[in-house]
Amino acid sequence: MKRILVAEDNKLIQDTVVFKLQRDGYEVVKAVDGKECMECLQSGTFDLLITDLFMPYISGHEIISSVRSEMKIDLPILVLSAAGAEETVLKAFELGADDYMVKPFSLGELSIRVRKILASRK
């Protein structure tokens, strides 16, 4: 079973994403902020990270940068963010994000993107 870490500080969005991913057959671990996300990444292994960009303590940009530059974890990263400005999206990709979805988003599209990302990493 694939393990997905979901870092999202908005409880409603987090609960909705977690519910959908669990229904799709994934094991899901929740992080309510950037600090908790980093702790999870240091203590466990995951097949995918889904992160918001703007969270307390540590931002999604800092998480992506840390995963790619410091931790050197080969982990696909999908960003879910309300920030759809081109410079924000480009920065996430430059830091190493694999995909980016702007909130609000379709849960069906999320399922497809997660499946495609995980299939490409086999």
C-alpha atoms as a PDB file:
ATOM      1  CA  MET A   1       0.000   0.000   0.000  1.00  0.00           C
ATOM      2  CA  LYS A   2       1.373   3.415  -0.994  1.00  0.00           C
ATOM      3  CA  ARG A   3       1.926   5.924   1.851  1.00  0.00           C
ATOM      4  CA  ILE A   4       1.073   9.565   1.281  1.00  0.00           C
ATOM      5  CA  LEU A   5       1.935  12.457   3.582  1.00  0.00           C
ATOM      6  CA  VAL A   6      -0.571  15.322   3.424  1.00  0.00           C
ATOM      7  CA  ALA A   7       0.652  18.640   4.860  1.00  0.00           C
ATOM      8  CA  GLU A   8      -2.263  21.065   5.049  1.00  0.00           C
ATOM      9  CA  ASP A   9      -3.172  23.547   7.792  1.00  0.00           C
ATOM     10  CA  ASN A  10      -6.810  23.972   6.704  1.00  0.00           C
ATOM     11  CA  LYS A  11      -8.617  21.167   8.561  1.00  0.00           C
ATOM     12  CA  LEU A  12     -11.565  20.984   6.161  1.00  0.00           C
ATOM     13  CA  ILE A  13      -9.329  20.661   3.109  1.00  0.00           C
ATOM     14  CA  GLN A  14      -7.031  18.206   4.882  1.00  0.00           C
ATOM     15  CA  ASP A  15      -9.922  15.999   6.019  1.00  0.00           C
ATOM     16  CA  THR A  16     -11.445  16.021   2.526  1.00  0.00           C
ATOM     17  CA  VAL A  17      -8.140  15.123   0.819  1.00  0.00           C
ATOM     18  CA  VAL A  18      -7.355  12.417   3.387  1.00  0.00           C
ATOM     19  CA  PHE A  19     -10.841  10.893   3.055  1.00  0.00           C
ATOM     20  CA  LYS A  20     -10.574  10.808  -0.752  1.00  0.00           C
ATOM     21  CA  LEU A  21      -7.075   9.290  -0.743  1.00  0.00           C
ATOM     22  CA  GLN A  22      -8.063   6.650   1.800  1.00  0.00           C
ATOM     23  CA  ARG A  23     -11.090   5.755  -0.343  1.00  0.00           C
ATOM     24  CA  ASP A  24      -8.665   5.405  -3.263  1.00  0.00           C
ATOM     25  CA  GLY A  25      -6.743   2.799  -1.240  1.00  0.00           C
ATOM     26  CA  TYR A  26      -3.768   4.769   0.076  1.00  0.00           C
ATOM     27  CA  GLU A  27      -2.362   4.909   3.584  1.00  0.00           C
ATOM     28  CA  VAL A  28      -2.401   8.577   4.564  1.00  0.00           C
ATOM     29  CA  VAL A  29      -0.460  10.418   7.257  1.00  0.00           C
ATOM     30  CA  LYS A  30      -1.549  13.958   8.189  1.00  0.00           C
ATOM     31  CA  ALA A  31       0.619  16.942   9.125  1.00  0.00           C
ATOM     32  CA  VAL A  32      -1.136  20.113  10.293  1.00  0.00           C
ATOM     33  CA  ASP A  33       1.782  22.474   9.644  1.00  0.00           C
ATOM     34  CA  GLY A  34       5.244  22.627   8.110  1.00  0.00           C
ATOM     35  CA  LYS A  35       7.053  21.657  11.309  1.00  0.00           C
ATOM     36  CA  GLU A  36       4.977  18.509  11.727  1.00  0.00           C
ATOM     37  CA  CYS A  37       5.528  17.698   8.044  1.00  0.00           C
ATOM     38  CA  MET A  38       9.306  17.871   8.448  1.00  0.00           C
ATOM     39  CA  GLU A  39       9.128  15.649  11.545  1.00  0.00           C
ATOM     40  CA  CYS A  40       7.109  13.066   9.599  1.00  0.00           C
ATOM     41  CA  LEU A  41       9.579  13.151   6.701  1.00  0.00           C
ATOM     42  CA  GLN A  42      12.499  12.588   9.073  1.00  0.00           C
ATOM     43  CA  SER A  43      10.852   9.689  10.903  1.00  0.00           C
ATOM     44  CA  GLY A  44       9.074   7.785   8.132  1.00  0.00           C
ATOM     45  CA  THR A  45       9.109   6.855   4.483  1.00  0.00           C
ATOM     46  CA  PHE A  46       6.483   7.971   2.008  1.00  0.00           C
ATOM     47  CA  ASP A  47       5.652   7.426  -1.649  1.00  0.00           C
ATOM     48  CA  LEU A  48       4.235  10.938  -2.166  1.00  0.00           C
ATOM     49  CA  LEU A  49       4.121  14.284  -0.384  1.00  0.00           C
ATOM     50  CA  ILE A  50       1.128  16.551  -0.905  1.00  0.00           C
ATOM     51  CA  THR A  51       1.757  19.971   0.585  1.00  0.00           C
ATOM     52  CA  ASP A  52       0.223  23.398   0.867  1.00  0.00           C
ATOM     53  CA  LEU A  53       2.614  26.325   0.403  1.00  0.00           C
ATOM     54  CA  PHE A  54       1.468  28.696   3.120  1.00  0.00           C
ATOM     55  CA  MET A  55       1.502  26.950   6.507  1.00  0.00           C
ATOM     56  CA  PRO A  56       2.632  27.898  10.017  1.00  0.00           C
ATOM     57  CA  TYR A  57       6.273  27.436  11.111  1.00  0.00           C
ATOM     58  CA  ILE A  58       7.729  26.098   7.837  1.00  0.00           C
ATOM     59  CA  SER A  59       6.360  26.968   4.399  1.00  0.00           C
ATOM     60  CA  GLY A  60       5.745  24.517   1.597  1.00  0.00           C
ATOM     61  CA  HIS A  61       8.522  26.197  -0.390  1.00  0.00           C
ATOM     62  CA  GLU A  62      10.943  25.522   2.487  1.00  0.00           C
ATOM     63  CA  ILE A  63       9.749  21.910   2.718  1.00  0.00           C
ATOM     64  CA  ILE A  64      10.287  21.325  -1.013  1.00  0.00           C
ATOM     65  CA  SER A  65      13.725  22.917  -0.840  1.00  0.00           C
ATOM     66  CA  SER A  66      14.700  20.858   2.199  1.00  0.00           C
ATOM     67  CA  VAL A  67      13.495  17.568   0.676  1.00  0.00           C
ATOM     68  CA  ARG A  68      15.408  18.200  -2.551  1.00  0.00           C
ATOM     69  CA  SER A  69      18.569  19.972  -1.315  1.00  0.00           C
ATOM     70  CA  GLU A  70      19.222  18.875   2.260  1.00  0.00           C
ATOM     71  CA  MET A  71      17.428  15.585   2.848  1.00  0.00           C
ATOM     72  CA  LYS A  72      17.985  14.396  -0.739  1.00  0.00           C
ATOM     73  CA  ILE A  73      14.843  12.244  -0.630  1.00  0.00           C
ATOM     74  CA  ASP A  74      13.606  10.990  -4.008  1.00  0.00           C
ATOM     75  CA  LEU A  75       9.995  11.746  -3.183  1.00  0.00           C
ATOM     76  CA  PRO A  76       7.411  13.072  -5.629  1.00  0.00           C
ATOM     77  CA  ILE A  77       5.812  16.302  -4.416  1.00  0.00           C
ATOM     78  CA  LEU A  78       2.361  17.583  -5.359  1.00  0.00           C
ATOM     79  CA  VAL A  79       1.527  21.134  -4.277  1.00  0.00           C
ATOM     80  CA  LEU A  80      -2.045  22.127  -3.422  1.00  0.00           C
ATOM     81  CA  SER A  81      -2.262  25.881  -2.964  1.00  0.00           C
ATOM     82  CA  ALA A  82      -4.662  28.782  -3.234  1.00  0.00           C
ATOM     83  CA  ALA A  83      -1.740  30.755  -4.657  1.00  0.00           C
ATOM     84  CA  GLY A  84      -2.050  30.514  -8.417  1.00  0.00           C
ATOM     85  CA  ALA A  85       0.190  33.426  -9.362  1.00  0.00           C
ATOM     86  CA  GLU A  86       2.674  32.393 -12.024  1.00  0.00           C
ATOM     87  CA  GLU A  87       5.731  33.373  -9.956  1.00  0.00           C
ATOM     88  CA  THR A  88       4.535  31.232  -7.014  1.00  0.00           C
ATOM     89  CA  VAL A  89       3.870  28.236  -9.243  1.00  0.00           C
ATOM     90  CA  LEU A  90       7.222  28.612 -11.042  1.00  0.00           C
ATOM     91  CA  LYS A  91       9.088  28.907  -7.730  1.00  0.00           C
ATOM     92  CA  ALA A  92       7.539  25.643  -6.517  1.00  0.00           C
ATOM     93  CA  PHE A  93       8.602  23.877  -9.727  1.00  0.00           C
ATOM     94  CA  GLU A  94      12.097  25.413  -9.606  1.00  0.00           C
ATOM     95  CA  LEU A  95      12.518  24.104  -6.060  1.00  0.00           C
ATOM     96  CA  GLY A  96      11.542  20.608  -7.189  1.00  0.00           C
ATOM     97  CA  ALA A  97       7.758  20.151  -7.074  1.00  0.00           C
ATOM     98  CA  ASP A  98       6.473  17.518  -9.499  1.00  0.00           C
ATOM     99  CA  ASP A  99       2.953  18.873  -9.907  1.00  0.00           C
ATOM    100  CA  TYR A 100       0.806  21.817  -8.789  1.00  0.00           C
ATOM    101  CA  MET A 101      -2.941  22.170  -8.288  1.00  0.00           C
ATOM    102  CA  VAL A 102      -4.680  25.453  -7.469  1.00  0.00           C
ATOM    103  CA  LYS A 103      -7.406  25.472  -4.792  1.00  0.00           C
ATOM    104  CA  PRO A 104     -10.272  24.948  -5.142  1.00  0.00           C
ATOM    105  CA  PHE A 105      -9.629  21.727  -7.006  1.00  0.00           C
ATOM    106  CA  SER A 106     -11.550  18.680  -8.154  1.00  0.00           C
ATOM    107  CA  LEU A 107     -11.155  15.549  -6.031  1.00  0.00           C
ATOM    108  CA  GLY A 108     -11.449  13.474  -9.193  1.00  0.00           C
ATOM    109  CA  GLU A 109      -8.558  15.370 -10.752  1.00  0.00           C
ATOM    110  CA  LEU A 110      -6.556  14.958  -7.542  1.00  0.00           C
ATOM    111  CA  SER A 111      -7.076  11.173  -7.719  1.00  0.00           C
ATOM    112  CA  ILE A 112      -5.905  11.040 -11.318  1.00  0.00           C
ATOM    113  CA  ARG A 113      -2.823  13.191 -10.676  1.00  0.00           C
ATOM    114  CA  VAL A 114      -1.846  11.129  -7.607  1.00  0.00           C
ATOM    115  CA  ARG A 115      -2.243   7.888  -9.554  1.00  0.00           C
ATOM    116  CA  LYS A 116      -0.161   9.232 -12.473  1.00  0.00           C
ATOM    117  CA  ILE A 117       2.611  10.537 -10.210  1.00  0.00           C
ATOM    118  CA  LEU A 118       2.844   7.235  -8.338  1.00  0.00           C
ATOM    119  CA  ALA A 119       2.728   5.195 -11.579  1.00  0.00           C
ATOM    120  CA  SER A 120       5.581   7.234 -13.041  1.00  0.00           C
ATOM    121  CA  ARG A 121       7.772   6.433 -10.011  1.00  0.00           C
ATOM    122  CA  LYS A 122       7.530   2.619 -10.224  1.00  0.00           C
END
